[in-house]
PDB file of all heavy atoms in Angstrom:
ATOM      1  N   MET A   1      -2.151  -6.704 -43.243  1.00  0.00           N
ATOM      2  CA  MET A   1      -1.157  -5.653 -43.565  1.00  0.00           C
ATOM      3  C   MET A   1      -0.254  -5.384 -42.351  1.00  0.00           C
ATOM      4  O   MET A   1       0.871  -4.990 -42.513  1.00  0.00           O
ATOM      5  CB  MET A   1      -1.788  -4.353 -44.034  1.00  0.00           C
ATOM      6  CG  MET A   1      -2.632  -4.534 -45.310  1.00  0.00           C
ATOM      7  SD  MET A   1      -1.713  -4.548 -46.759  1.00  0.00           S
ATOM      8  CE  MET A   1      -1.089  -2.884 -46.917  1.00  0.00           C
ATOM      9  N   ALA A   2      -0.839  -5.514 -41.144  1.00  0.00           N
ATOM     10  CA  ALA A   2      -0.071  -5.197 -39.954  1.00  0.00           C
ATOM     11  C   ALA A   2       1.256  -5.969 -39.827  1.00  0.00           C
ATOM     12  O   ALA A   2       2.216  -5.426 -39.427  1.00  0.00           O
ATOM     13  CB  ALA A   2      -0.939  -5.474 -38.714  1.00  0.00           C
ATOM     14  N   GLY A   3       1.268  -7.231 -40.164  1.00  0.00           N
ATOM     15  CA  GLY A   3       2.432  -8.019 -40.103  1.00  0.00           C
ATOM     16  C   GLY A   3       3.316  -7.823 -41.322  1.00  0.00           C
ATOM     17  O   GLY A   3       4.520  -8.284 -41.273  1.00  0.00           O
ATOM     18  N   ALA A   4       2.939  -7.095 -42.336  1.00  0.00           N
ATOM     19  CA  ALA A   4       3.751  -6.943 -43.504  1.00  0.00           C
ATOM     20  C   ALA A   4       4.541  -5.647 -43.557  1.00  0.00           C
ATOM     21  O   ALA A   4       5.212  -5.397 -44.462  1.00  0.00           O
ATOM     22  CB  ALA A   4       2.782  -6.973 -44.752  1.00  0.00           C
ATOM     23  N   ASP A   5       4.408  -4.788 -42.487  1.00  0.00           N
ATOM     24  CA  ASP A   5       5.004  -3.557 -42.432  1.00  0.00           C
ATOM     25  C   ASP A   5       4.724  -2.718 -43.629  1.00  0.00           C
ATOM     26  O   ASP A   5       5.557  -2.000 -44.175  1.00  0.00           O
ATOM     27  CB  ASP A   5       6.590  -3.750 -42.310  1.00  0.00           C
ATOM     28  CG  ASP A   5       7.274  -2.492 -41.810  1.00  0.00           C
ATOM     29  OD1 ASP A   5       6.655  -1.704 -41.085  1.00  0.00           O
ATOM     30  OD2 ASP A   5       8.459  -2.280 -42.230  1.00  0.00           O
ATOM     31  N   LEU A   6       3.466  -2.703 -44.078  1.00  0.00           N
ATOM     32  CA  LEU A   6       2.930  -1.858 -45.113  1.00  0.00           C
ATOM     33  C   LEU A   6       1.822  -1.039 -44.579  1.00  0.00           C
ATOM     34  O   LEU A   6       1.060  -1.483 -43.707  1.00  0.00           O
ATOM     35  CB  LEU A   6       2.512  -2.788 -46.319  1.00  0.00           C
ATOM     36  CG  LEU A   6       3.580  -3.569 -46.967  1.00  0.00           C
ATOM     37  CD1 LEU A   6       2.878  -4.556 -47.943  1.00  0.00           C
ATOM     38  CD2 LEU A   6       4.580  -2.680 -47.697  1.00  0.00           C
ATOM     39  N   ALA A   7       1.576   0.056 -45.202  1.00  0.00           N
ATOM     40  CA  ALA A   7       0.444   0.917 -44.808  1.00  0.00           C
ATOM     41  C   ALA A   7      -0.639   0.820 -45.842  1.00  0.00           C
ATOM     42  O   ALA A   7      -0.344   0.835 -47.022  1.00  0.00           O
ATOM     43  CB  ALA A   7       0.890   2.389 -44.662  1.00  0.00           C
ATOM     44  N   LEU A   8      -1.916   0.709 -45.365  1.00  0.00           N
ATOM     45  CA  LEU A   8      -3.002   0.767 -46.307  1.00  0.00           C
ATOM     46  C   LEU A   8      -3.461   2.193 -46.429  1.00  0.00           C
ATOM     47  O   LEU A   8      -3.735   2.900 -45.512  1.00  0.00           O
ATOM     48  CB  LEU A   8      -4.163  -0.105 -45.709  1.00  0.00           C
ATOM     49  CG  LEU A   8      -5.436  -0.208 -46.545  1.00  0.00           C
ATOM     50  CD1 LEU A   8      -5.172  -0.885 -47.903  1.00  0.00           C
ATOM     51  CD2 LEU A   8      -6.522  -1.035 -45.793  1.00  0.00           C
ATOM     52  N   THR A   9      -3.450   2.692 -47.699  1.00  0.00           N
ATOM     53  CA  THR A   9      -3.810   4.017 -47.978  1.00  0.00           C
ATOM     54  C   THR A   9      -5.041   4.124 -48.803  1.00  0.00           C
ATOM     55  O   THR A   9      -5.103   3.342 -49.836  1.00  0.00           O
ATOM     56  CB  THR A   9      -2.608   4.729 -48.710  1.00  0.00           C
ATOM     57  OG1 THR A   9      -1.419   4.560 -47.930  1.00  0.00           O
ATOM     58  CG2 THR A   9      -2.865   6.241 -48.892  1.00  0.00           C
ATOM     59  N   THR A  10      -5.893   5.048 -48.510  1.00  0.00           N
ATOM     60  CA  THR A  10      -7.031   5.250 -49.345  1.00  0.00           C
ATOM     61  C   THR A  10      -6.944   6.608 -49.970  1.00  0.00           C
ATOM     62  O   THR A  10      -6.363   7.558 -49.436  1.00  0.00           O
ATOM     63  CB  THR A  10      -8.359   5.143 -48.561  1.00  0.00           C
ATOM     64  OG1 THR A  10      -8.311   6.077 -47.465  1.00  0.00           O
ATOM     65  CG2 THR A  10      -8.554   3.738 -47.978  1.00  0.00           C
ATOM     66  N   TYR A  11      -7.544   6.754 -51.138  1.00  0.00           N
ATOM     67  CA  TYR A  11      -7.470   8.039 -51.851  1.00  0.00           C
ATOM     68  C   TYR A  11      -8.906   8.378 -52.254  1.00  0.00           C
ATOM     69  O   TYR A  11      -9.716   7.554 -52.581  1.00  0.00           O
ATOM     70  CB  TYR A  11      -6.715   7.909 -53.116  1.00  0.00           C
ATOM     71  CG  TYR A  11      -5.212   7.587 -52.906  1.00  0.00           C
ATOM     72  CD1 TYR A  11      -4.834   6.251 -52.843  1.00  0.00           C
ATOM     73  CD2 TYR A  11      -4.337   8.589 -52.662  1.00  0.00           C
ATOM     74  CE1 TYR A  11      -3.475   5.911 -52.609  1.00  0.00           C
ATOM     75  CE2 TYR A  11      -2.979   8.298 -52.438  1.00  0.00           C
ATOM     76  CZ  TYR A  11      -2.610   6.945 -52.373  1.00  0.00           C
ATOM     77  OH  TYR A  11      -1.276   6.648 -52.165  1.00  0.00           O
ATOM     78  N   PRO A  12      -9.235   9.671 -52.174  1.00  0.00           N
ATOM     79  CA  PRO A  12     -10.576  10.129 -52.610  1.00  0.00           C
ATOM     80  C   PRO A  12     -10.784   9.882 -54.098  1.00  0.00           C
ATOM     81  O   PRO A  12      -9.858   9.981 -54.891  1.00  0.00           O
ATOM     82  CB  PRO A  12     -10.647  11.644 -52.240  1.00  0.00           C
ATOM     83  CG  PRO A  12      -9.278  12.040 -51.970  1.00  0.00           C
ATOM     84  CD  PRO A  12      -8.481  10.823 -51.692  1.00  0.00           C
ATOM     85  N   ARG A  13     -11.934   9.615 -54.546  1.00  0.00           N
ATOM     86  CA  ARG A  13     -12.337   9.407 -55.909  1.00  0.00           C
ATOM     87  C   ARG A  13     -11.848  10.529 -56.806  1.00  0.00           C
ATOM     88  O   ARG A  13     -11.504  10.236 -57.969  1.00  0.00           O
ATOM     89  CB  ARG A  13     -13.793   9.154 -56.067  1.00  0.00           C
ATOM     90  CG  ARG A  13     -14.271   8.812 -57.443  1.00  0.00           C
ATOM     91  CD  ARG A  13     -15.694   8.309 -57.482  1.00  0.00           C
ATOM     92  NE  ARG A  13     -16.250   8.186 -58.736  1.00  0.00           N
ATOM     93  CZ  ARG A  13     -15.858   7.208 -59.661  1.00  0.00           C
ATOM     94  NH1 ARG A  13     -14.874   6.443 -59.350  1.00  0.00           N
ATOM     95  NH2 ARG A  13     -16.438   7.184 -60.828  1.00  0.00           N
ATOM     96  N   GLU A  14     -11.848  11.721 -56.351  1.00  0.00           N
ATOM     97  CA  GLU A  14     -11.356  12.843 -57.187  1.00  0.00           C
ATOM     98  C   GLU A  14      -9.952  12.710 -57.702  1.00  0.00           C
ATOM     99  O   GLU A  14      -9.548  13.372 -58.611  1.00  0.00           O
ATOM    100  CB  GLU A  14     -11.545  14.141 -56.411  1.00  0.00           C
ATOM    101  CG  GLU A  14     -12.972  14.523 -56.003  1.00  0.00           C
ATOM    102  CD  GLU A  14     -13.443  13.736 -54.791  1.00  0.00           C
ATOM    103  OE1 GLU A  14     -12.686  13.508 -53.849  1.00  0.00           O
ATOM    104  OE2 GLU A  14     -14.620  13.376 -54.832  1.00  0.00           O
ATOM    105  N   GLN A  15      -9.174  11.875 -56.965  1.00  0.00           N
ATOM    106  CA  GLN A  15      -7.746  11.664 -57.400  1.00  0.00           C
ATOM    107  C   GLN A  15      -7.643  10.511 -58.466  1.00  0.00           C
ATOM    108  O   GLN A  15      -6.526  10.295 -58.925  1.00  0.00           O
ATOM    109  CB  GLN A  15      -6.957  11.338 -56.165  1.00  0.00           C
ATOM    110  CG  GLN A  15      -6.724  12.515 -55.258  1.00  0.00           C
ATOM    111  CD  GLN A  15      -5.796  12.159 -54.088  1.00  0.00           C
ATOM    112  OE1 GLN A  15      -5.099  11.140 -54.038  1.00  0.00           O
ATOM    113  NE2 GLN A  15      -5.656  13.107 -53.176  1.00  0.00           N
ATOM    114  N   ASN A  16      -8.718   9.878 -58.858  1.00  0.00           N
ATOM    115  CA  ASN A  16      -8.579   8.829 -59.826  1.00  0.00           C
ATOM    116  C   ASN A  16      -7.896   9.261 -61.094  1.00  0.00           C
ATOM    117  O   ASN A  16      -6.981   8.498 -61.517  1.00  0.00           O
ATOM    118  CB  ASN A  16      -9.979   8.317 -60.188  1.00  0.00           C
ATOM    119  CG  ASN A  16     -10.495   7.338 -59.200  1.00  0.00           C
ATOM    120  OD1 ASN A  16      -9.853   7.053 -58.146  1.00  0.00           O
ATOM    121  ND2 ASN A  16     -11.647   6.726 -59.405  1.00  0.00           N
ATOM    122  N   PRO A  17      -8.121  10.366 -61.695  1.00  0.00           N
ATOM    123  CA  PRO A  17      -7.423  10.722 -62.938  1.00  0.00           C
ATOM    124  C   PRO A  17      -5.941  10.762 -62.762  1.00  0.00           C
ATOM    125  O   PRO A  17      -5.196  10.194 -63.552  1.00  0.00           O
ATOM    126  CB  PRO A  17      -8.022  12.087 -63.289  1.00  0.00           C
ATOM    127  CG  PRO A  17      -9.388  12.096 -62.728  1.00  0.00           C
ATOM    128  CD  PRO A  17      -9.238  11.367 -61.373  1.00  0.00           C
ATOM    129  N   SER A  18      -5.467  11.369 -61.735  1.00  0.00           N
ATOM    130  CA  SER A  18      -4.001  11.470 -61.477  1.00  0.00           C
ATOM    131  C   SER A  18      -3.391  10.108 -61.149  1.00  0.00           C
ATOM    132  O   SER A  18      -2.288   9.722 -61.567  1.00  0.00           O
ATOM    133  CB  SER A  18      -3.570  12.485 -60.515  1.00  0.00           C
ATOM    134  OG  SER A  18      -4.205  12.223 -59.231  1.00  0.00           O
ATOM    135  N   LEU A  19      -4.124   9.298 -60.378  1.00  0.00           N
ATOM    136  CA  LEU A  19      -3.652   7.976 -60.010  1.00  0.00           C
ATOM    137  C   LEU A  19      -3.580   7.043 -61.169  1.00  0.00           C
ATOM    138  O   LEU A  19      -2.660   6.297 -61.420  1.00  0.00           O
ATOM    139  CB  LEU A  19      -4.543   7.368 -58.914  1.00  0.00           C
ATOM    140  CG  LEU A  19      -4.487   8.024 -57.506  1.00  0.00           C
ATOM    141  CD1 LEU A  19      -5.556   7.467 -56.584  1.00  0.00           C
ATOM    142  CD2 LEU A  19      -3.077   7.831 -56.892  1.00  0.00           C
ATOM    143  N   LEU A  20      -4.642   7.111 -61.999  1.00  0.00           N
ATOM    144  CA  LEU A  20      -4.641   6.258 -63.199  1.00  0.00           C
ATOM    145  C   LEU A  20      -3.617   6.698 -64.183  1.00  0.00           C
ATOM    146  O   LEU A  20      -2.950   5.855 -64.835  1.00  0.00           O
ATOM    147  CB  LEU A  20      -6.045   6.237 -63.875  1.00  0.00           C
ATOM    148  CG  LEU A  20      -7.107   5.595 -63.088  1.00  0.00           C
ATOM    149  CD1 LEU A  20      -8.530   5.787 -63.685  1.00  0.00           C
ATOM    150  CD2 LEU A  20      -6.886   4.053 -63.009  1.00  0.00           C
ATOM    151  N   ALA A  21      -3.384   7.998 -64.319  1.00  0.00           N
ATOM    152  CA  ALA A  21      -2.394   8.492 -65.207  1.00  0.00           C
ATOM    153  C   ALA A  21      -0.977   7.998 -64.884  1.00  0.00           C
ATOM    154  O   ALA A  21      -0.162   7.657 -65.738  1.00  0.00           O
ATOM    155  CB  ALA A  21      -2.378  10.015 -65.302  1.00  0.00           C
ATOM    156  N   ALA A  22      -0.754   7.788 -63.612  1.00  0.00           N
ATOM    157  CA  ALA A  22       0.547   7.340 -63.094  1.00  0.00           C
ATOM    158  C   ALA A  22       0.779   5.811 -63.033  1.00  0.00           C
ATOM    159  O   ALA A  22       1.852   5.364 -62.941  1.00  0.00           O
ATOM    160  CB  ALA A  22       0.780   7.921 -61.699  1.00  0.00           C
ATOM    161  N   ALA A  23      -0.355   5.064 -63.229  1.00  0.00           N
ATOM    162  CA  ALA A  23      -0.300   3.654 -63.120  1.00  0.00           C
ATOM    163  C   ALA A  23       0.223   2.931 -64.304  1.00  0.00           C
ATOM    164  O   ALA A  23       0.005   3.346 -65.420  1.00  0.00           O
ATOM    165  CB  ALA A  23      -1.719   3.110 -62.783  1.00  0.00           C
ATOM    166  N   ASP A  24       1.043   1.819 -64.051  1.00  0.00           N
ATOM    167  CA  ASP A  24       1.416   0.967 -65.148  1.00  0.00           C
ATOM    168  C   ASP A  24       0.397  -0.112 -65.349  1.00  0.00           C
ATOM    169  O   ASP A  24       0.225  -0.585 -66.489  1.00  0.00           O
ATOM    170  CB  ASP A  24       2.788   0.398 -64.848  1.00  0.00           C
ATOM    171  CG  ASP A  24       3.893   1.457 -64.854  1.00  0.00           C
ATOM    172  OD1 ASP A  24       3.868   2.300 -65.659  1.00  0.00           O
ATOM    173  OD2 ASP A  24       4.756   1.361 -63.916  1.00  0.00           O
ATOM    174  N   LEU A  25      -0.251  -0.584 -64.257  1.00  0.00           N
ATOM    175  CA  LEU A  25      -1.157  -1.700 -64.297  1.00  0.00           C
ATOM    176  C   LEU A  25      -2.128  -1.413 -63.112  1.00  0.00           C
ATOM    177  O   LEU A  25      -1.790  -0.978 -62.081  1.00  0.00           O
ATOM    178  CB  LEU A  25      -0.458  -2.989 -64.097  1.00  0.00           C
ATOM    179  CG  LEU A  25      -1.379  -4.250 -63.996  1.00  0.00           C
ATOM    180  CD1 LEU A  25      -2.074  -4.580 -65.326  1.00  0.00           C
ATOM    181  CD2 LEU A  25      -0.530  -5.467 -63.492  1.00  0.00           C
ATOM    182  N   VAL A  26      -3.459  -1.638 -63.425  1.00  0.00           N
ATOM    183  CA  VAL A  26      -4.429  -1.409 -62.496  1.00  0.00           C
ATOM    184  C   VAL A  26      -5.146  -2.770 -62.061  1.00  0.00           C
ATOM    185  O   VAL A  26      -5.532  -3.459 -62.988  1.00  0.00           O
ATOM    186  CB  VAL A  26      -5.496  -0.360 -62.985  1.00  0.00           C
ATOM    187  CG1 VAL A  26      -6.618  -0.149 -61.916  1.00  0.00           C
ATOM    188  CG2 VAL A  26      -4.814   0.903 -63.360  1.00  0.00           C
ATOM    189  N   LEU A  27      -5.293  -2.992 -60.742  1.00  0.00           N
ATOM    190  CA  LEU A  27      -6.141  -4.128 -60.281  1.00  0.00           C
ATOM    191  C   LEU A  27      -7.462  -3.469 -59.976  1.00  0.00           C
ATOM    192  O   LEU A  27      -7.529  -2.610 -59.078  1.00  0.00           O
ATOM    193  CB  LEU A  27      -5.478  -4.747 -59.036  1.00  0.00           C
ATOM    194  CG  LEU A  27      -4.113  -5.281 -59.299  1.00  0.00           C
ATOM    195  CD1 LEU A  27      -3.574  -5.913 -57.915  1.00  0.00           C
ATOM    196  CD2 LEU A  27      -4.076  -6.345 -60.352  1.00  0.00           C
ATOM    197  N   VAL A  28      -8.521  -3.914 -60.578  1.00  0.00           N
ATOM    198  CA  VAL A  28      -9.816  -3.206 -60.537  1.00  0.00           C
ATOM    199  C   VAL A  28     -10.911  -4.207 -60.193  1.00  0.00           C
ATOM    200  O   VAL A  28     -10.953  -5.303 -60.829  1.00  0.00           O
ATOM    201  CB  VAL A  28     -10.056  -2.355 -61.767  1.00  0.00           C
ATOM    202  CG1 VAL A  28     -10.180  -3.200 -63.034  1.00  0.00           C
ATOM    203  CG2 VAL A  28     -11.311  -1.519 -61.631  1.00  0.00           C
ATOM    204  N   ALA A  29     -11.828  -3.829 -59.379  1.00  0.00           N
ATOM    205  CA  ALA A  29     -13.033  -4.656 -59.134  1.00  0.00           C
ATOM    206  C   ALA A  29     -13.985  -4.570 -60.381  1.00  0.00           C
ATOM    207  O   ALA A  29     -14.037  -3.462 -60.936  1.00  0.00           O
ATOM    208  CB  ALA A  29     -13.687  -4.144 -57.869  1.00  0.00           C
ATOM    209  N   SER A  30     -14.584  -5.604 -60.661  1.00  0.00           N
ATOM    210  CA  SER A  30     -15.513  -5.626 -61.813  1.00  0.00           C
ATOM    211  C   SER A  30     -16.592  -4.561 -61.590  1.00  0.00           C
ATOM    212  O   SER A  30     -17.142  -4.394 -60.502  1.00  0.00           O
ATOM    213  CB  SER A  30     -16.094  -7.041 -61.981  1.00  0.00           C
ATOM    214  OG  SER A  30     -16.973  -7.089 -63.043  1.00  0.00           O
ATOM    215  N   GLY A  31     -17.034  -3.993 -62.789  1.00  0.00           N
ATOM    216  CA  GLY A  31     -18.053  -3.058 -62.765  1.00  0.00           C
ATOM    217  C   GLY A  31     -17.748  -1.905 -63.641  1.00  0.00           C
ATOM    218  O   GLY A  31     -16.819  -1.989 -64.525  1.00  0.00           O
ATOM    219  N   THR A  32     -18.417  -0.784 -63.440  1.00  0.00           N
ATOM    220  CA  THR A  32     -18.177   0.417 -64.306  1.00  0.00           C
ATOM    221  C   THR A  32     -16.773   0.987 -64.181  1.00  0.00           C
ATOM    222  O   THR A  32     -16.297   1.728 -65.000  1.00  0.00           O
ATOM    223  CB  THR A  32     -19.229   1.510 -64.088  1.00  0.00           C
ATOM    224  OG1 THR A  32     -19.259   1.801 -62.733  1.00  0.00           O
ATOM    225  CG2 THR A  32     -20.592   1.002 -64.543  1.00  0.00           C
ATOM    226  N   ALA A  33     -16.080   0.620 -63.030  1.00  0.00           N
ATOM    227  CA  ALA A  33     -14.733   1.135 -62.788  1.00  0.00           C
ATOM    228  C   ALA A  33     -13.845   0.624 -63.911  1.00  0.00           C
ATOM    229  O   ALA A  33     -12.834   1.271 -64.259  1.00  0.00           O
ATOM    230  CB  ALA A  33     -14.234   0.718 -61.468  1.00  0.00           C
ATOM    231  N   THR A  34     -14.185  -0.533 -64.538  1.00  0.00           N
ATOM    232  CA  THR A  34     -13.311  -1.013 -65.592  1.00  0.00           C
ATOM    233  C   THR A  34     -13.354  -0.109 -66.814  1.00  0.00           C
ATOM    234  O   THR A  34     -12.379   0.079 -67.474  1.00  0.00           O
ATOM    235  CB  THR A  34     -13.688  -2.468 -66.011  1.00  0.00           C
ATOM    236  OG1 THR A  34     -15.069  -2.476 -66.468  1.00  0.00           O
ATOM    237  CG2 THR A  34     -13.487  -3.462 -64.862  1.00  0.00           C
ATOM    238  N   LEU A  35     -14.529   0.525 -67.057  1.00  0.00           N
ATOM    239  CA  LEU A  35     -14.682   1.433 -68.171  1.00  0.00           C
ATOM    240  C   LEU A  35     -13.856   2.719 -67.875  1.00  0.00           C
ATOM    241  O   LEU A  35     -13.330   3.295 -68.828  1.00  0.00           O
ATOM    242  CB  LEU A  35     -16.126   1.755 -68.459  1.00  0.00           C
ATOM    243  CG  LEU A  35     -16.973   0.538 -68.868  1.00  0.00           C
ATOM    244  CD1 LEU A  35     -18.466   0.994 -69.083  1.00  0.00           C
ATOM    245  CD2 LEU A  35     -16.456  -0.104 -70.104  1.00  0.00           C
ATOM    246  N   GLU A  36     -13.822   3.136 -66.617  1.00  0.00           N
ATOM    247  CA  GLU A  36     -13.004   4.290 -66.240  1.00  0.00           C
ATOM    248  C   GLU A  36     -11.553   4.032 -66.492  1.00  0.00           C
ATOM    249  O   GLU A  36     -10.885   4.866 -67.092  1.00  0.00           O
ATOM    250  CB  GLU A  36     -13.254   4.742 -64.865  1.00  0.00           C
ATOM    251  CG  GLU A  36     -12.448   5.974 -64.422  1.00  0.00           C
ATOM    252  CD  GLU A  36     -12.817   6.370 -63.010  1.00  0.00           C
ATOM    253  OE1 GLU A  36     -13.458   5.720 -62.213  1.00  0.00           O
ATOM    254  OE2 GLU A  36     -12.335   7.512 -62.665  1.00  0.00           O
ATOM    255  N   VAL A  37     -11.054   2.875 -66.082  1.00  0.00           N
ATOM    256  CA  VAL A  37      -9.693   2.497 -66.319  1.00  0.00           C
ATOM    257  C   VAL A  37      -9.417   2.412 -67.785  1.00  0.00           C
ATOM    258  O   VAL A  37      -8.328   2.943 -68.351  1.00  0.00           O
ATOM    259  CB  VAL A  37      -9.387   1.199 -65.596  1.00  0.00           C
ATOM    260  CG1 VAL A  37      -7.921   0.756 -65.929  1.00  0.00           C
ATOM    261  CG2 VAL A  37      -9.563   1.334 -64.073  1.00  0.00           C
ATOM    262  N   ALA A  38     -10.325   1.824 -68.512  1.00  0.00           N
ATOM    263  CA  ALA A  38     -10.162   1.693 -69.990  1.00  0.00           C
ATOM    264  C   ALA A  38     -10.106   3.094 -70.674  1.00  0.00           C
ATOM    265  O   ALA A  38      -9.372   3.307 -71.619  1.00  0.00           O
ATOM    266  CB  ALA A  38     -11.238   0.870 -70.581  1.00  0.00           C
ATOM    267  N   PHE A  39     -10.884   4.105 -70.124  1.00  0.00           N
ATOM    268  CA  PHE A  39     -10.948   5.414 -70.672  1.00  0.00           C
ATOM    269  C   PHE A  39      -9.506   5.996 -70.653  1.00  0.00           C
ATOM    270  O   PHE A  39      -9.162   6.719 -71.559  1.00  0.00           O
ATOM    271  CB  PHE A  39     -11.850   6.280 -69.832  1.00  0.00           C
ATOM    272  CG  PHE A  39     -11.880   7.725 -70.255  1.00  0.00           C
ATOM    273  CD1 PHE A  39     -12.726   8.150 -71.216  1.00  0.00           C
ATOM    274  CD2 PHE A  39     -11.095   8.635 -69.579  1.00  0.00           C
ATOM    275  CE1 PHE A  39     -12.756   9.489 -71.584  1.00  0.00           C
ATOM    276  CE2 PHE A  39     -11.118   9.967 -69.931  1.00  0.00           C
ATOM    277  CZ  PHE A  39     -11.929  10.397 -70.952  1.00  0.00           C
TER     278      PHE A  39
END
């Protein structure tokens, strides 16, 4: 990321509902997180 002039940002899990509500498409690691995104 350093060479791409982009910042890596992390968000606390508590923000998942608002982040997911705003997303058009989610890239998600396999696991129970997929069920949360599907919810």
